[in-house]
Amino acid sequence: LAACGKTQQSAAPAAADKSVPAPVAVAIVNGTTISREEYDIYVKGLLQGKQQELTPEQKNQVLDEMISMQLLSAQAEKDGVGKDPDTAAQLQVLRIRVLADAASQKFLKGQEPTDAQLHAEYETAIASMDKTEYHARHILVSSKDQADQNIKKLKGGAKFEDLAKAQSLDTGSKANGGDLGWFTTSHMVKPFADAVKGLKKGEITPQPVQTQYGWHVIQLEDTREAAPPPFDQVKAQLVNAVIRKKLQAYVDDLKKNAKIEKKL
């Protein structure tokens, strides 16, 4: 991306700043340098955080791609494409995004969470988590009439598992007789979660429950107290949560001291 935004540079500048080391070139295209730094940044973006070593062939492919981009970028400059409003807006958004990310990274240097902050975040998360886990089955069908018929069959002595295996549209639980295993209601859509909360052990929903997936008949198998995950198991998530909160607080402070006028 950095290579795309450059204008043509002279191969022999009239006055070089000797205090700034010349970039190490991986290619020179019509006098414009594609630097090692730009190449590494581009590769980093392609890998998206993956720890992977490119093969010589892959490295050459990436370089060829950057050369092509530079040629197209230079042609765009000649054609005045950069003056197009949409193109100019895209370039500005990219610039804002890169600078915002750089500012975030600069702020977060030296902001590593302390053990006290991590344990405080852990206690907050535990306090807000669902305290109950539910074990339930369901039969998912496409119409209310079909769901009503299943409720009648269940009241008449039909086995829940058999109906689920024969009719349920939920491929993830159908083979297991509609068994959803243990879950907290925060992992379910609200109508389903509300219905489960209203059931007693062994009960079946008296009316079909509609969600965006279809119509459900639900049976509650059991409940138990949810055990919080050990601190060490979720430490990485806690680090991310604390960092996000620190960055958000920093942004909120910037907003407080900024003059903002929304025009939408």
C-alpha atoms as a PDB file:
ATOM      1  CA  LEU A   1       0.000   0.000   0.000  1.00  0.00           C
ATOM      2  CA  ALA A   2       2.855   2.341   0.800  1.00  0.00           C
ATOM      3  CA  ALA A   3       4.303   1.785  -2.662  1.00  0.00           C
ATOM      4  CA  CYS A   4       1.004   2.676  -4.315  1.00  0.00           C
ATOM      5  CA  GLY A   5       0.851   6.142  -2.843  1.00  0.00           C
ATOM      6  CA  LYS A   6       4.248   7.374  -4.026  1.00  0.00           C
ATOM      7  CA  THR A   7       4.985   9.745  -6.842  1.00  0.00           C
ATOM      8  CA  GLN A   8       7.885   9.220  -9.175  1.00  0.00           C
ATOM      9  CA  GLN A   9      11.245   9.875  -7.557  1.00  0.00           C
ATOM     10  CA  SER A  10      14.485  10.829  -9.275  1.00  0.00           C
ATOM     11  CA  ALA A  11      17.123   8.093  -9.337  1.00  0.00           C
ATOM     12  CA  ALA A  12      19.733  10.751  -8.450  1.00  0.00           C
ATOM     13  CA  PRO A  13      18.208  13.433  -6.182  1.00  0.00           C
ATOM     14  CA  ALA A  14      19.788  16.841  -6.330  1.00  0.00           C
ATOM     15  CA  ALA A  15      20.305  17.131  -2.590  1.00  0.00           C
ATOM     16  CA  ALA A  16      20.219  14.054  -0.370  1.00  0.00           C
ATOM     17  CA  ASP A  17      19.742  14.326   3.382  1.00  0.00           C
ATOM     18  CA  LYS A  18      22.806  12.486   4.687  1.00  0.00           C
ATOM     19  CA  SER A  19      21.299  12.260   8.182  1.00  0.00           C
ATOM     20  CA  VAL A  20      18.601   9.923   6.884  1.00  0.00           C
ATOM     21  CA  PRO A  21      19.885   6.536   5.678  1.00  0.00           C
ATOM     22  CA  ALA A  22      18.837   5.640   2.163  1.00  0.00           C
ATOM     23  CA  PRO A  23      16.158   2.931   2.055  1.00  0.00           C
ATOM     24  CA  VAL A  24      17.279  -0.547   1.118  1.00  0.00           C
ATOM     25  CA  ALA A  25      15.648  -1.223  -2.234  1.00  0.00           C
ATOM     26  CA  VAL A  26      14.036  -4.516  -3.179  1.00  0.00           C
ATOM     27  CA  ALA A  27      13.148  -3.084  -6.609  1.00  0.00           C
ATOM     28  CA  ILE A  28      13.386   0.175  -8.567  1.00  0.00           C
ATOM     29  CA  VAL A  29      10.545   0.806 -11.008  1.00  0.00           C
ATOM     30  CA  ASN A  30      11.136   3.645 -13.486  1.00  0.00           C
ATOM     31  CA  GLY A  31      13.270   5.379 -10.884  1.00  0.00           C
ATOM     32  CA  THR A  32      10.891   4.791  -7.952  1.00  0.00           C
ATOM     33  CA  THR A  33      12.230   2.682  -5.093  1.00  0.00           C
ATOM     34  CA  ILE A  34      10.224  -0.072  -3.460  1.00  0.00           C
ATOM     35  CA  SER A  35      11.980  -0.356  -0.126  1.00  0.00           C
ATOM     36  CA  ARG A  36      12.588  -3.378   2.060  1.00  0.00           C
ATOM     37  CA  GLU A  37      10.462  -1.764   4.757  1.00  0.00           C
ATOM     38  CA  GLU A  38       7.531  -1.331   2.386  1.00  0.00           C
ATOM     39  CA  TYR A  39       7.935  -4.898   1.174  1.00  0.00           C
ATOM     40  CA  ASP A  40       7.957  -6.263   4.743  1.00  0.00           C
ATOM     41  CA  ILE A  41       4.873  -4.240   5.673  1.00  0.00           C
ATOM     42  CA  TYR A  42       3.045  -5.518   2.610  1.00  0.00           C
ATOM     43  CA  VAL A  43       3.964  -9.131   3.423  1.00  0.00           C
ATOM     44  CA  LYS A  44       2.829  -8.637   7.015  1.00  0.00           C
ATOM     45  CA  GLY A  45      -0.536  -7.454   5.754  1.00  0.00           C
ATOM     46  CA  LEU A  46      -0.868 -10.454   3.459  1.00  0.00           C
ATOM     47  CA  LEU A  47      -0.080 -12.917   6.260  1.00  0.00           C
ATOM     48  CA  GLN A  48      -2.558 -11.203   8.653  1.00  0.00           C
ATOM     49  CA  GLY A  49      -0.575 -12.054  11.763  1.00  0.00           C
ATOM     50  CA  LYS A  50       0.309 -15.624  10.782  1.00  0.00           C
ATOM     51  CA  GLN A  51       3.812 -16.722  11.680  1.00  0.00           C
ATOM     52  CA  GLN A  52       4.875 -18.033   8.305  1.00  0.00           C
ATOM     53  CA  GLU A  53       8.101 -17.934   6.304  1.00  0.00           C
ATOM     54  CA  LEU A  54       7.558 -17.365   2.599  1.00  0.00           C
ATOM     55  CA  THR A  55       9.310 -19.591   0.104  1.00  0.00           C
ATOM     56  CA  PRO A  56      11.664 -17.948  -2.427  1.00  0.00           C
ATOM     57  CA  GLU A  57       8.965 -18.415  -5.079  1.00  0.00           C
ATOM     58  CA  GLN A  58       6.336 -16.750  -2.872  1.00  0.00           C
ATOM     59  CA  LYS A  59       8.673 -13.852  -2.099  1.00  0.00           C
ATOM     60  CA  ASN A  60       9.232 -13.302  -5.797  1.00  0.00           C
ATOM     61  CA  GLN A  61       5.482 -13.438  -6.443  1.00  0.00           C
ATOM     62  CA  VAL A  62       4.883 -10.775  -3.792  1.00  0.00           C
ATOM     63  CA  LEU A  63       7.597  -8.568  -5.270  1.00  0.00           C
ATOM     64  CA  ASP A  64       6.114  -8.935  -8.760  1.00  0.00           C
ATOM     65  CA  GLU A  65       2.744  -7.946  -7.336  1.00  0.00           C
ATOM     66  CA  MET A  66       4.225  -4.821  -5.741  1.00  0.00           C
ATOM     67  CA  ILE A  67       5.975  -3.914  -9.001  1.00  0.00           C
ATOM     68  CA  SER A  68       2.672  -4.220 -10.846  1.00  0.00           C
ATOM     69  CA  MET A  69       0.998  -2.058  -8.205  1.00  0.00           C
ATOM     70  CA  GLN A  70       3.697   0.581  -8.521  1.00  0.00           C
ATOM     71  CA  LEU A  71       3.326   0.684 -12.318  1.00  0.00           C
ATOM     72  CA  LEU A  72      -0.448   1.058 -12.006  1.00  0.00           C
ATOM     73  CA  SER A  73      -0.046   3.675  -9.276  1.00  0.00           C
ATOM     74  CA  ALA A  74       2.315   5.720 -11.420  1.00  0.00           C
ATOM     75  CA  GLN A  75      -0.084   5.490 -14.353  1.00  0.00           C
ATOM     76  CA  ALA A  76      -2.924   6.605 -12.104  1.00  0.00           C
ATOM     77  CA  GLU A  77      -0.891   9.675 -11.132  1.00  0.00           C
ATOM     78  CA  LYS A  78      -0.304  10.496 -14.796  1.00  0.00           C
ATOM     79  CA  ASP A  79      -4.003  10.066 -15.586  1.00  0.00           C
ATOM     80  CA  GLY A  80      -5.071  12.248 -12.667  1.00  0.00           C
ATOM     81  CA  VAL A  81      -7.022   9.396 -11.053  1.00  0.00           C
ATOM     82  CA  GLY A  82      -6.048  10.661  -7.618  1.00  0.00           C
ATOM     83  CA  LYS A  83      -8.253  13.710  -8.173  1.00  0.00           C
ATOM     84  CA  ASP A  84     -11.365  11.549  -8.529  1.00  0.00           C
ATOM     85  CA  PRO A  85     -13.533  12.200  -5.414  1.00  0.00           C
ATOM     86  CA  ASP A  86     -14.085   8.513  -4.639  1.00  0.00           C
ATOM     87  CA  THR A  87     -10.405   7.683  -5.032  1.00  0.00           C
ATOM     88  CA  ALA A  88      -9.347  10.674  -2.947  1.00  0.00           C
ATOM     89  CA  ALA A  89     -11.811   9.666  -0.226  1.00  0.00           C
ATOM     90  CA  GLN A  90     -10.493   6.091  -0.187  1.00  0.00           C
ATOM     91  CA  LEU A  91      -6.912   7.334   0.118  1.00  0.00           C
ATOM     92  CA  GLN A  92      -7.914   9.617   2.982  1.00  0.00           C
ATOM     93  CA  VAL A  93      -9.698   6.784   4.807  1.00  0.00           C
ATOM     94  CA  LEU A  94      -6.622   4.571   4.423  1.00  0.00           C
ATOM     95  CA  ARG A  95      -4.413   7.356   5.734  1.00  0.00           C
ATOM     96  CA  ILE A  96      -6.684   7.914   8.737  1.00  0.00           C
ATOM     97  CA  ARG A  97      -6.786   4.192   9.465  1.00  0.00           C
ATOM     98  CA  VAL A  98      -3.004   3.780   9.327  1.00  0.00           C
ATOM     99  CA  LEU A  99      -2.381   6.840  11.500  1.00  0.00           C
ATOM    100  CA  ALA A 100      -5.079   5.816  13.987  1.00  0.00           C
ATOM    101  CA  ASP A 101      -3.537   2.364  14.294  1.00  0.00           C
ATOM    102  CA  ALA A 102      -0.083   3.888  14.778  1.00  0.00           C
ATOM    103  CA  ALA A 103      -1.421   6.234  17.470  1.00  0.00           C
ATOM    104  CA  SER A 104      -3.092   3.285  19.221  1.00  0.00           C
ATOM    105  CA  GLN A 105       0.109   1.248  19.185  1.00  0.00           C
ATOM    106  CA  LYS A 106       2.104   4.198  20.508  1.00  0.00           C
ATOM    107  CA  PHE A 107      -0.336   4.726  23.377  1.00  0.00           C
ATOM    108  CA  LEU A 108      -0.352   1.022  24.298  1.00  0.00           C
ATOM    109  CA  LYS A 109       3.448   0.825  24.614  1.00  0.00           C
ATOM    110  CA  GLY A 110       4.174   0.429  28.292  1.00  0.00           C
ATOM    111  CA  GLN A 111       0.484  -0.156  29.047  1.00  0.00           C
ATOM    112  CA  GLU A 112       0.790  -3.892  29.688  1.00  0.00           C
ATOM    113  CA  PRO A 113      -1.877  -4.931  32.235  1.00  0.00           C
ATOM    114  CA  THR A 114      -0.702  -5.637  35.766  1.00  0.00           C
ATOM    115  CA  ASP A 115      -1.716  -8.765  37.663  1.00  0.00           C
ATOM    116  CA  ALA A 116      -3.986  -6.634  39.818  1.00  0.00           C
ATOM    117  CA  GLN A 117      -5.762  -5.240  36.742  1.00  0.00           C
ATOM    118  CA  LEU A 118      -6.150  -8.720  35.248  1.00  0.00           C
ATOM    119  CA  HIS A 119      -7.618 -10.151  38.453  1.00  0.00           C
ATOM    120  CA  ALA A 120      -9.979  -7.185  38.740  1.00  0.00           C
ATOM    121  CA  GLU A 121     -11.154  -7.790  35.164  1.00  0.00           C
ATOM    122  CA  TYR A 122     -11.552 -11.490  35.967  1.00  0.00           C
ATOM    123  CA  GLU A 123     -13.738 -10.749  39.000  1.00  0.00           C
ATOM    124  CA  THR A 124     -15.860  -8.335  36.923  1.00  0.00           C
ATOM    125  CA  ALA A 125     -16.328 -10.946  34.214  1.00  0.00           C
ATOM    126  CA  ILE A 126     -17.239 -13.645  36.732  1.00  0.00           C
ATOM    127  CA  ALA A 127     -19.774 -11.364  38.395  1.00  0.00           C
ATOM    128  CA  SER A 128     -21.520 -10.682  35.080  1.00  0.00           C
ATOM    129  CA  MET A 129     -21.504 -14.242  33.717  1.00  0.00           C
ATOM    130  CA  ASP A 130     -24.547 -16.490  33.620  1.00  0.00           C
ATOM    131  CA  LYS A 131     -24.799 -18.360  36.895  1.00  0.00           C
ATOM    132  CA  THR A 132     -26.846 -21.248  35.506  1.00  0.00           C
ATOM    133  CA  GLU A 133     -26.186 -23.768  32.768  1.00  0.00           C
ATOM    134  CA  TYR A 134     -29.043 -25.564  31.036  1.00  0.00           C
ATOM    135  CA  HIS A 135     -29.218 -28.974  29.389  1.00  0.00           C
ATOM    136  CA  ALA A 136     -32.018 -29.081  26.828  1.00  0.00           C
ATOM    137  CA  ARG A 137     -33.313 -30.713  23.665  1.00  0.00           C
ATOM    138  CA  HIS A 138     -35.240 -29.152  20.837  1.00  0.00           C
ATOM    139  CA  ILE A 139     -37.084 -29.994  17.653  1.00  0.00           C
ATOM    140  CA  LEU A 140     -36.712 -27.327  14.973  1.00  0.00           C
ATOM    141  CA  VAL A 141     -39.330 -27.240  12.202  1.00  0.00           C
ATOM    142  CA  SER A 142     -40.341 -24.712   9.556  1.00  0.00           C
ATOM    143  CA  SER A 143     -43.965 -24.060  10.553  1.00  0.00           C
ATOM    144  CA  LYS A 144     -46.025 -23.429  13.683  1.00  0.00           C
ATOM    145  CA  ASP A 145     -48.567 -26.058  12.644  1.00  0.00           C
ATOM    146  CA  GLN A 146     -45.875 -28.732  12.482  1.00  0.00           C
ATOM    147  CA  ALA A 147     -44.533 -27.650  15.868  1.00  0.00           C
ATOM    148  CA  ASP A 148     -48.084 -27.769  17.341  1.00  0.00           C
ATOM    149  CA  GLN A 149     -48.522 -31.294  15.996  1.00  0.00           C
ATOM    150  CA  ASN A 150     -45.259 -32.362  17.652  1.00  0.00           C
ATOM    151  CA  ILE A 151     -46.399 -30.971  20.994  1.00  0.00           C
ATOM    152  CA  LYS A 152     -49.631 -32.985  20.694  1.00  0.00           C
ATOM    153  CA  LYS A 153     -47.643 -36.124  19.850  1.00  0.00           C
ATOM    154  CA  LEU A 154     -45.389 -35.596  22.864  1.00  0.00           C
ATOM    155  CA  LYS A 155     -48.406 -35.175  25.134  1.00  0.00           C
ATOM    156  CA  GLY A 156     -49.729 -38.414  23.664  1.00  0.00           C
ATOM    157  CA  GLY A 157     -46.615 -40.320  24.669  1.00  0.00           C
ATOM    158  CA  ALA A 158     -44.287 -39.921  21.694  1.00  0.00           C
ATOM    159  CA  LYS A 159     -40.573 -39.874  22.504  1.00  0.00           C
ATOM    160  CA  PHE A 160     -38.874 -36.504  22.114  1.00  0.00           C
ATOM    161  CA  GLU A 161     -35.706 -38.050  20.716  1.00  0.00           C
ATOM    162  CA  ASP A 162     -37.589 -39.964  18.009  1.00  0.00           C
ATOM    163  CA  LEU A 163     -39.441 -36.867  16.790  1.00  0.00           C
ATOM    164  CA  ALA A 164     -36.231 -34.830  16.752  1.00  0.00           C
ATOM    165  CA  LYS A 165     -34.382 -37.476  14.730  1.00  0.00           C
ATOM    166  CA  ALA A 166     -37.244 -37.712  12.252  1.00  0.00           C
ATOM    167  CA  GLN A 167     -38.171 -34.045  11.827  1.00  0.00           C
ATOM    168  CA  SER A 168     -35.684 -31.549  13.243  1.00  0.00           C
ATOM    169  CA  LEU A 169     -34.011 -29.182  10.806  1.00  0.00           C
ATOM    170  CA  ASP A 170     -31.082 -28.620  13.177  1.00  0.00           C
ATOM    171  CA  THR A 171     -28.385 -30.825  11.660  1.00  0.00           C
ATOM    172  CA  GLY A 172     -26.124 -30.214  14.650  1.00  0.00           C
ATOM    173  CA  SER A 173     -28.444 -31.866  17.168  1.00  0.00           C
ATOM    174  CA  LYS A 174     -30.825 -33.962  15.049  1.00  0.00           C
ATOM    175  CA  ALA A 175     -28.757 -37.160  15.155  1.00  0.00           C
ATOM    176  CA  ASN A 176     -28.569 -36.888  18.962  1.00  0.00           C
ATOM    177  CA  GLY A 177     -32.314 -36.622  19.375  1.00  0.00           C
ATOM    178  CA  GLY A 178     -32.240 -32.846  19.548  1.00  0.00           C
ATOM    179  CA  ASP A 179     -29.731 -32.818  22.426  1.00  0.00           C
ATOM    180  CA  LEU A 180     -28.035 -29.415  22.712  1.00  0.00           C
ATOM    181  CA  GLY A 181     -25.795 -30.366  25.615  1.00  0.00           C
ATOM    182  CA  TRP A 182     -24.986 -27.885  28.375  1.00  0.00           C
ATOM    183  CA  PHE A 183     -25.162 -24.169  27.574  1.00  0.00           C
ATOM    184  CA  THR A 184     -25.760 -20.763  29.118  1.00  0.00           C
ATOM    185  CA  THR A 185     -28.634 -18.667  27.836  1.00  0.00           C
ATOM    186  CA  SER A 186     -26.233 -15.940  26.703  1.00  0.00           C
ATOM    187  CA  HIS A 187     -25.258 -18.281  23.852  1.00  0.00           C
ATOM    188  CA  MET A 188     -28.853 -18.593  22.635  1.00  0.00           C
ATOM    189  CA  VAL A 189     -31.137 -16.155  20.811  1.00  0.00           C
ATOM    190  CA  LYS A 190     -33.469 -14.338  23.213  1.00  0.00           C
ATOM    191  CA  PRO A 191     -36.811 -16.089  22.463  1.00  0.00           C
ATOM    192  CA  PHE A 192     -35.140 -19.482  22.889  1.00  0.00           C
ATOM    193  CA  ALA A 193     -33.295 -18.395  26.046  1.00  0.00           C
ATOM    194  CA  ASP A 194     -36.452 -16.930  27.607  1.00  0.00           C
ATOM    195  CA  ALA A 195     -38.385 -20.118  26.905  1.00  0.00           C
ATOM    196  CA  VAL A 196     -35.690 -22.310  28.496  1.00  0.00           C
ATOM    197  CA  LYS A 197     -35.586 -20.121  31.600  1.00  0.00           C
ATOM    198  CA  GLY A 198     -39.340 -20.576  32.043  1.00  0.00           C
ATOM    199  CA  LEU A 199     -39.195 -24.390  32.081  1.00  0.00           C
ATOM    200  CA  LYS A 200     -38.840 -26.772  34.988  1.00  0.00           C
ATOM    201  CA  LYS A 201     -36.784 -29.962  34.768  1.00  0.00           C
ATOM    202  CA  GLY A 202     -38.479 -32.394  32.377  1.00  0.00           C
ATOM    203  CA  GLU A 203     -40.994 -29.847  31.052  1.00  0.00           C
ATOM    204  CA  ILE A 204     -41.731 -29.174  27.385  1.00  0.00           C
ATOM    205  CA  THR A 205     -42.685 -25.760  26.042  1.00  0.00           C
ATOM    206  CA  PRO A 206     -46.526 -25.633  25.951  1.00  0.00           C
ATOM    207  CA  GLN A 207     -46.410 -23.450  22.842  1.00  0.00           C
ATOM    208  CA  PRO A 208     -43.956 -23.424  19.921  1.00  0.00           C
ATOM    209  CA  VAL A 209     -41.125 -20.897  20.223  1.00  0.00           C
ATOM    210  CA  GLN A 210     -40.348 -18.829  17.144  1.00  0.00           C
ATOM    211  CA  THR A 211     -36.838 -17.586  16.325  1.00  0.00           C
ATOM    212  CA  GLN A 212     -35.159 -16.519  13.102  1.00  0.00           C
ATOM    213  CA  TYR A 213     -34.309 -20.198  12.540  1.00  0.00           C
ATOM    214  CA  GLY A 214     -37.873 -21.496  12.616  1.00  0.00           C
ATOM    215  CA  TRP A 215     -40.216 -22.968  15.220  1.00  0.00           C
ATOM    216  CA  HIS A 216     -38.870 -24.838  18.252  1.00  0.00           C
ATOM    217  CA  VAL A 217     -40.307 -27.343  20.667  1.00  0.00           C
ATOM    218  CA  ILE A 218     -37.980 -27.395  23.682  1.00  0.00           C
ATOM    219  CA  GLN A 219     -37.557 -29.819  26.559  1.00  0.00           C
ATOM    220  CA  LEU A 220     -35.450 -28.945  29.597  1.00  0.00           C
ATOM    221  CA  GLU A 221     -33.385 -31.900  30.771  1.00  0.00           C
ATOM    222  CA  ASP A 222     -31.582 -30.377  33.740  1.00  0.00           C
ATOM    223  CA  THR A 223     -29.852 -27.323  35.201  1.00  0.00           C
ATOM    224  CA  ARG A 224     -26.655 -26.821  37.137  1.00  0.00           C
ATOM    225  CA  GLU A 225     -24.552 -24.019  38.548  1.00  0.00           C
ATOM    226  CA  ALA A 226     -22.134 -22.688  35.963  1.00  0.00           C
ATOM    227  CA  ALA A 227     -18.500 -23.060  37.006  1.00  0.00           C
ATOM    228  CA  PRO A 228     -16.318 -20.073  36.071  1.00  0.00           C
ATOM    229  CA  PRO A 229     -13.259 -20.881  33.955  1.00  0.00           C
ATOM    230  CA  PRO A 230      -9.914 -20.834  35.814  1.00  0.00           C
ATOM    231  CA  PHE A 231      -8.004 -17.540  35.698  1.00  0.00           C
ATOM    232  CA  ASP A 232      -5.039 -19.028  33.835  1.00  0.00           C
ATOM    233  CA  GLN A 233      -7.317 -20.495  31.180  1.00  0.00           C
ATOM    234  CA  VAL A 234      -8.739 -17.087  30.210  1.00  0.00           C
ATOM    235  CA  LYS A 235      -5.707 -14.917  30.949  1.00  0.00           C
ATOM    236  CA  ALA A 236      -5.093 -14.114  27.277  1.00  0.00           C
ATOM    237  CA  GLN A 237      -8.699 -12.905  26.873  1.00  0.00           C
ATOM    238  CA  LEU A 238      -8.370 -10.847  30.046  1.00  0.00           C
ATOM    239  CA  VAL A 239      -5.226  -9.153  28.702  1.00  0.00           C
ATOM    240  CA  ASN A 240      -7.101  -8.221  25.520  1.00  0.00           C
ATOM    241  CA  ALA A 241     -10.098  -6.974  27.495  1.00  0.00           C
ATOM    242  CA  VAL A 242      -7.988  -4.723  29.736  1.00  0.00           C
ATOM    243  CA  ILE A 243      -6.070  -3.347  26.750  1.00  0.00           C
ATOM    244  CA  ARG A 244      -9.326  -2.617  24.896  1.00  0.00           C
ATOM    245  CA  LYS A 245     -10.685  -0.755  27.910  1.00  0.00           C
ATOM    246  CA  LYS A 246      -7.500   1.295  28.283  1.00  0.00           C
ATOM    247  CA  LEU A 247      -7.573   2.243  24.621  1.00  0.00           C
ATOM    248  CA  GLN A 248     -11.287   3.068  24.773  1.00  0.00           C
ATOM    249  CA  ALA A 249     -10.713   5.285  27.813  1.00  0.00           C
ATOM    250  CA  TYR A 250      -7.930   7.064  25.921  1.00  0.00           C
ATOM    251  CA  VAL A 251     -10.216   7.631  22.918  1.00  0.00           C
ATOM    252  CA  ASP A 252     -13.045   8.808  25.184  1.00  0.00           C
ATOM    253  CA  ASP A 253     -10.679  11.346  26.739  1.00  0.00           C
ATOM    254  CA  LEU A 254      -9.695  12.589  23.277  1.00  0.00           C
ATOM    255  CA  LYS A 255     -13.376  13.007  22.444  1.00  0.00           C
ATOM    256  CA  LYS A 256     -13.992  15.017  25.607  1.00  0.00           C
ATOM    257  CA  ASN A 257     -11.302  17.509  24.604  1.00  0.00           C
ATOM    258  CA  ALA A 258     -12.322  17.668  20.942  1.00  0.00           C
ATOM    259  CA  LYS A 259     -14.819  19.897  19.182  1.00  0.00           C
ATOM    260  CA  ILE A 260     -17.041  17.446  17.295  1.00  0.00           C
ATOM    261  CA  GLU A 261     -19.921  18.403  15.012  1.00  0.00           C
ATOM    262  CA  LYS A 262     -21.917  15.551  13.525  1.00  0.00           C
ATOM    263  CA  LYS A 263     -23.564  16.384  10.214  1.00  0.00           C
ATOM    264  CA  LEU A 264     -25.480  13.157   9.498  1.00  0.00           C
END
